[in-house]
Protein backbone atom coordinates (compact mmCIF):
# COMPACT_ATOMS: atom_id res chain seq x y z
CA MET A 1 36.18 17.11 -10.22
CA SER A 2 34.21 20.04 -11.61
CA GLU A 3 32.14 22.33 -9.40
CA GLN A 4 28.95 20.93 -10.91
CA GLN A 5 30.03 17.33 -10.27
CA HIS A 6 30.91 18.23 -6.68
CA TYR A 7 27.47 19.82 -6.20
CA VAL A 8 25.68 16.74 -7.59
CA ARG A 9 27.71 14.36 -5.42
CA SER A 10 27.24 16.54 -2.33
CA SER A 11 23.50 16.79 -2.96
CA PHE A 12 23.25 13.02 -3.42
CA SER A 13 25.17 12.39 -0.19
CA LYS A 14 22.89 14.70 1.77
CA SER A 15 19.78 13.04 0.35
CA ALA A 16 21.13 9.56 1.10
CA THR A 17 21.91 10.59 4.68
CA LYS A 18 18.42 12.02 5.18
CA LEU A 19 16.85 8.84 3.81
CA ALA A 20 18.99 6.67 6.08
CA VAL A 21 17.92 8.74 9.09
CA SER A 22 14.25 8.33 8.13
CA ILE A 23 14.66 4.57 7.76
CA LEU A 24 16.28 4.22 11.19
CA GLN A 25 13.95 6.64 12.99
CA THR A 26 10.86 4.97 11.53
CA ALA A 27 12.14 1.53 12.51
CA LYS A 28 12.62 2.78 16.07
CA GLN A 29 9.35 4.73 16.30
CA PRO A 30 6.94 3.39 13.65
CA GLU A 31 4.02 5.27 15.19
CA LYS A 32 5.72 8.48 14.04
CA ILE A 33 6.22 7.41 10.42
CA PHE A 34 4.54 10.54 9.06
CA GLN A 35 7.01 12.65 11.04
CA HIS A 36 10.15 10.57 10.51
CA GLY A 37 9.25 9.32 7.07
CA ARG A 38 9.23 12.64 5.24
CA TYR A 39 12.50 11.79 3.53
CA PHE A 40 11.03 8.64 1.97
CA ALA A 41 9.90 11.10 -0.70
CA ILE A 42 13.52 11.36 -1.85
CA PRO A 43 13.58 8.01 -3.72
CA GLY A 44 9.94 8.66 -4.65
CA GLN A 45 11.04 11.66 -6.72
CA THR A 46 13.69 9.85 -8.73
CA LYS A 47 13.58 8.84 -12.37
CA LEU A 48 13.63 5.22 -11.20
CA GLU A 49 10.33 5.77 -9.38
CA LYS A 50 8.84 7.51 -12.41
CA ASP A 51 9.92 4.58 -14.60
CA CYS A 52 8.20 2.17 -12.20
CA ILE A 53 4.96 4.16 -12.38
CA GLU A 54 5.13 4.24 -16.17
CA ARG A 55 5.56 0.46 -16.29
CA VAL A 56 2.45 0.03 -14.17
CA LEU A 57 0.50 2.43 -16.39
CA ALA A 58 1.57 0.41 -19.44
CA ILE A 59 0.04 -2.85 -18.16
CA PRO A 60 -2.84 -3.76 -20.54
CA LYS A 61 -5.42 -4.14 -17.74
CA VAL A 62 -4.35 -0.80 -16.28
CA GLN A 63 -4.63 0.78 -19.73
CA GLU A 64 -8.23 -0.47 -19.91
CA LEU A 65 -8.93 1.07 -16.51
CA LEU A 66 -7.41 4.41 -17.54
CA ALA A 67 -9.49 4.46 -20.71
CA ASN A 68 -12.63 4.11 -18.59
CA ARG A 69 -11.82 5.49 -15.17
CA PRO A 70 -14.04 4.43 -12.27
CA SER A 71 -15.82 7.13 -10.33
CA PRO A 72 -13.59 8.96 -7.84
CA LEU A 73 -16.59 9.30 -5.51
CA TRP A 74 -16.61 6.50 -2.96
CA PRO A 75 -19.47 5.68 -0.58
CA ASP A 76 -19.23 7.25 2.85
CA LEU A 77 -18.84 5.09 5.94
CA GLU A 78 -22.57 5.11 6.72
CA GLN A 79 -23.37 3.87 3.22
CA MET A 80 -20.75 1.14 3.54
CA ALA A 81 -22.15 0.06 6.90
CA ALA A 82 -25.57 -0.44 5.27
CA MET A 83 -24.18 -2.72 2.55
CA PRO A 84 -24.69 -6.51 2.69
CA LYS A 85 -22.72 -8.23 5.42
CA GLY A 86 -19.52 -9.69 4.02
CA SER A 87 -19.44 -7.33 1.05
CA LEU A 88 -16.32 -5.35 0.19
CA GLY A 89 -17.85 -2.08 1.41
CA TRP A 90 -19.15 -3.64 4.62
CA CYS A 91 -15.74 -5.18 5.39
CA VAL A 92 -13.88 -1.93 4.65
CA HIS A 93 -16.24 -0.06 6.99
CA ARG A 94 -15.91 -2.70 9.71
CA ARG A 95 -12.13 -2.50 9.56
CA LEU A 96 -11.96 1.30 9.53
CA GLU A 97 -14.51 1.58 12.34
CA LYS A 98 -12.51 -0.76 14.57
CA LEU A 99 -9.36 1.24 13.88
CA GLY A 100 -11.03 4.63 14.25
CA LEU A 101 -9.79 5.58 10.78
CA SER A 102 -11.22 7.39 7.77
CA PHE A 103 -9.94 7.58 4.20
CA LEU A 104 -6.62 9.31 3.67
CA VAL A 105 -7.81 11.39 0.71
CA ASP A 106 -10.49 14.08 0.91
CA GLN A 107 -12.71 13.44 -2.11
CA SER A 108 -13.47 17.14 -2.51
CA LEU A 109 -9.79 17.77 -3.21
CA ILE A 110 -9.57 15.33 -6.12
CA SER A 111 -9.28 17.18 -9.42
CA GLU A 112 -11.58 16.14 -12.25
CA SER A 113 -8.81 16.71 -14.81
CA GLN A 114 -5.99 14.56 -13.46
CA THR A 115 -3.30 13.19 -15.75
CA ASP A 116 -2.97 9.41 -15.85
CA GLU A 117 -0.01 9.60 -13.48
CA GLU A 118 -1.85 11.88 -11.03
CA PHE A 119 -4.90 9.64 -11.17
CA ALA A 120 -2.77 6.55 -10.55
CA ILE A 121 -0.98 8.05 -7.54
CA THR A 122 -4.20 9.34 -5.95
CA ARG A 123 -6.03 6.07 -6.51
CA PHE A 124 -3.09 3.99 -5.29
CA ILE A 125 -3.08 5.90 -1.98
CA ARG A 126 -6.81 5.34 -1.54
CA LEU A 127 -6.66 1.67 -2.49
CA HIS A 128 -4.22 0.95 0.33
CA GLU A 129 -7.13 0.46 2.76
CA ILE A 130 -8.91 -1.85 0.32
CA HIS A 131 -5.75 -3.89 -0.14
CA HIS A 132 -5.39 -4.23 3.63
CA THR A 133 -9.01 -5.38 3.82
CA ILE A 134 -8.80 -7.87 0.95
CA LEU A 135 -5.63 -9.41 2.40
CA GLY A 136 -6.74 -9.18 6.04
CA LEU A 137 -3.76 -7.11 7.16
CA PRO A 138 -3.72 -5.21 10.47
CA ILE A 139 -2.43 -1.68 10.95
CA THR A 140 0.73 -2.81 12.71
CA VAL A 141 4.37 -2.87 11.67
CA ALA A 142 3.93 -6.49 10.56
CA GLY A 143 0.74 -5.68 8.64
CA GLU A 144 2.36 -2.74 6.89
CA ALA A 145 5.43 -4.89 6.21
CA ALA A 146 3.25 -7.43 4.40
CA ALA A 147 1.58 -4.75 2.25
CA THR A 148 4.86 -2.98 1.51
CA ALA A 149 6.57 -6.28 0.64
CA PHE A 150 3.80 -6.92 -1.89
CA TYR A 151 4.19 -3.47 -3.46
CA ALA A 152 8.00 -3.61 -3.45
CA SER A 153 8.24 -7.13 -4.87
CA THR A 154 5.74 -6.54 -7.66
CA GLY A 155 6.74 -3.03 -8.70
CA SER A 156 10.38 -2.57 -7.61
CA SER A 157 9.39 0.91 -6.41
CA PRO A 158 12.33 2.76 -4.78
CA TYR A 159 9.85 4.49 -2.48
CA GLN A 160 8.29 1.22 -1.29
CA ILE A 161 11.71 -0.42 -0.90
CA GLY A 162 12.77 2.50 1.30
CA VAL A 163 9.73 2.05 3.54
CA LEU A 164 10.21 -1.72 3.62
CA SER A 165 13.77 -1.18 4.86
CA SER A 166 12.35 0.38 8.02
CA TRP A 167 10.06 -2.57 8.70
CA MET A 168 12.93 -4.99 8.08
CA LEU A 169 15.00 -3.16 10.71
CA ARG A 170 12.22 -3.00 13.28
CA GLY A 171 13.25 -6.33 14.80
CA ALA A 172 16.62 -4.87 15.72
CA TYR A 173 14.81 -2.47 18.06
CA GLU A 174 12.07 -4.89 19.15
CA PRO A 175 13.34 -8.49 18.88
CA ASN A 176 9.95 -9.88 19.97
CA GLU A 177 8.42 -8.50 16.74
CA HIS A 178 11.12 -9.92 14.48
CA ARG A 179 9.53 -13.28 13.61
CA LEU A 180 6.06 -11.94 12.82
CA ILE A 181 7.43 -9.11 10.68
CA TRP A 182 9.48 -11.50 8.56
CA ASP A 183 6.59 -13.96 8.29
CA ALA A 184 4.49 -11.02 7.10
CA ILE A 185 7.11 -10.00 4.54
CA GLY A 186 7.18 -13.57 3.24
CA PHE A 187 3.38 -13.54 2.98
CA GLY A 188 3.38 -10.26 1.06
CA ILE A 189 5.94 -11.61 -1.40
CA ALA A 190 3.93 -14.84 -1.80
CA VAL A 191 0.83 -12.80 -2.69
CA GLY A 192 2.89 -10.88 -5.23
CA GLN A 193 3.90 -14.13 -6.91
CA GLU A 194 0.22 -14.96 -7.44
CA VAL A 195 -1.13 -11.47 -8.18
CA THR A 196 1.14 -9.10 -10.06
CA GLU A 197 -0.82 -5.95 -9.16
CA LEU A 198 -3.93 -4.88 -7.27
CA PHE A 199 -4.45 -1.58 -9.09
CA SER A 200 -6.46 -2.65 -12.14
CA PRO A 201 -9.45 -4.37 -10.44
CA ARG A 202 -12.47 -2.07 -10.55
CA TRP A 203 -13.05 -2.11 -6.81
CA GLU A 204 -15.24 0.99 -7.06
CA ASP A 205 -17.79 -0.92 -9.16
CA GLY A 206 -18.13 -3.76 -6.65
CA TRP A 207 -18.63 -2.35 -3.17
CA GLU A 208 -21.63 -4.63 -2.55
CA ARG A 209 -19.97 -7.67 -4.05
CA PRO A 210 -18.98 -10.36 -1.48
CA ILE A 211 -15.34 -10.00 -0.52
CA ILE A 212 -14.95 -13.75 -0.99
CA ASP A 213 -15.89 -13.31 -4.66
CA TRP A 214 -13.14 -10.73 -5.04
CA GLN A 215 -10.65 -13.09 -3.41
CA ASN A 216 -11.78 -15.94 -5.66
CA GLU A 217 -11.29 -13.76 -8.72
CA LEU A 218 -7.77 -12.91 -7.56
CA GLY A 219 -7.03 -16.57 -6.83
CA ILE A 220 -5.76 -15.94 -3.30
CA ASN A 221 -8.21 -17.95 -1.15
CA LYS A 222 -5.79 -20.78 -0.41
CA LEU A 223 -2.95 -18.33 0.05
CA LEU A 224 -4.93 -16.44 2.70
CA MET A 225 -4.98 -19.64 4.75
CA THR A 226 -1.20 -19.29 5.12
CA SER A 227 -1.42 -15.69 6.36
CA PRO A 228 0.22 -15.00 9.73
CA PHE A 229 -2.81 -12.81 10.53
CA GLN A 230 -5.60 -15.39 10.86
CA GLU A 231 -7.24 -13.58 13.79
CA ASP A 232 -7.40 -10.37 11.79
CA LEU A 233 -8.97 -12.18 8.83
CA GLU A 234 -11.69 -13.57 11.09
CA ASP A 235 -12.20 -10.21 12.77
CA ILE A 236 -12.63 -8.32 9.49
CA TYR A 237 -14.91 -10.84 7.80
CA ALA A 238 -16.93 -12.05 10.80
């Protein structure tokens, strides 16, 4: 084995070990995912991940979106609260308010000259809250497992599969959560079989549109009736 081959193999082994530690630590302490999950970036920096992103960007509907990007400026929480009851914006605000959360991305930090890939990554991070709202998913291990199962099953993203591994292992640490987590994973996969991606809809152009209209357009109304999170659906849309 050459010195270069040894270095590559050694580097790979160290990265794999770090990722495994992140998966196990996050499964044990999911509330500390941002601390334990720093090594999830390892598969996220691979060529496989880049290939997955490029496949998403090549989807015709996504190409249309990229050719006419929606505004990066979203309404603030007060503006959302004033929107019609039951609208997308109103529901997003209601959910975030109950959770005491705000958006993960500071709008002032978003560059006006992003590449398509940069735009896609930034928007994908921001859309996570909208996806949770549309699907009625709570901010719990089971809720995140459902969302991650959707992303992993539709995009084969190494990053998402790494995160999903933690949620799949959670039941080993907390057996009482096992059933709900796996029901949630099944629900996320079922959504992915009906809707291949949730990136191309122009959510930003329809904040005041009834959330039920969005769900009708996606064709997931009946599927939502099988969700293991019925109380959360009622709570968000009430």
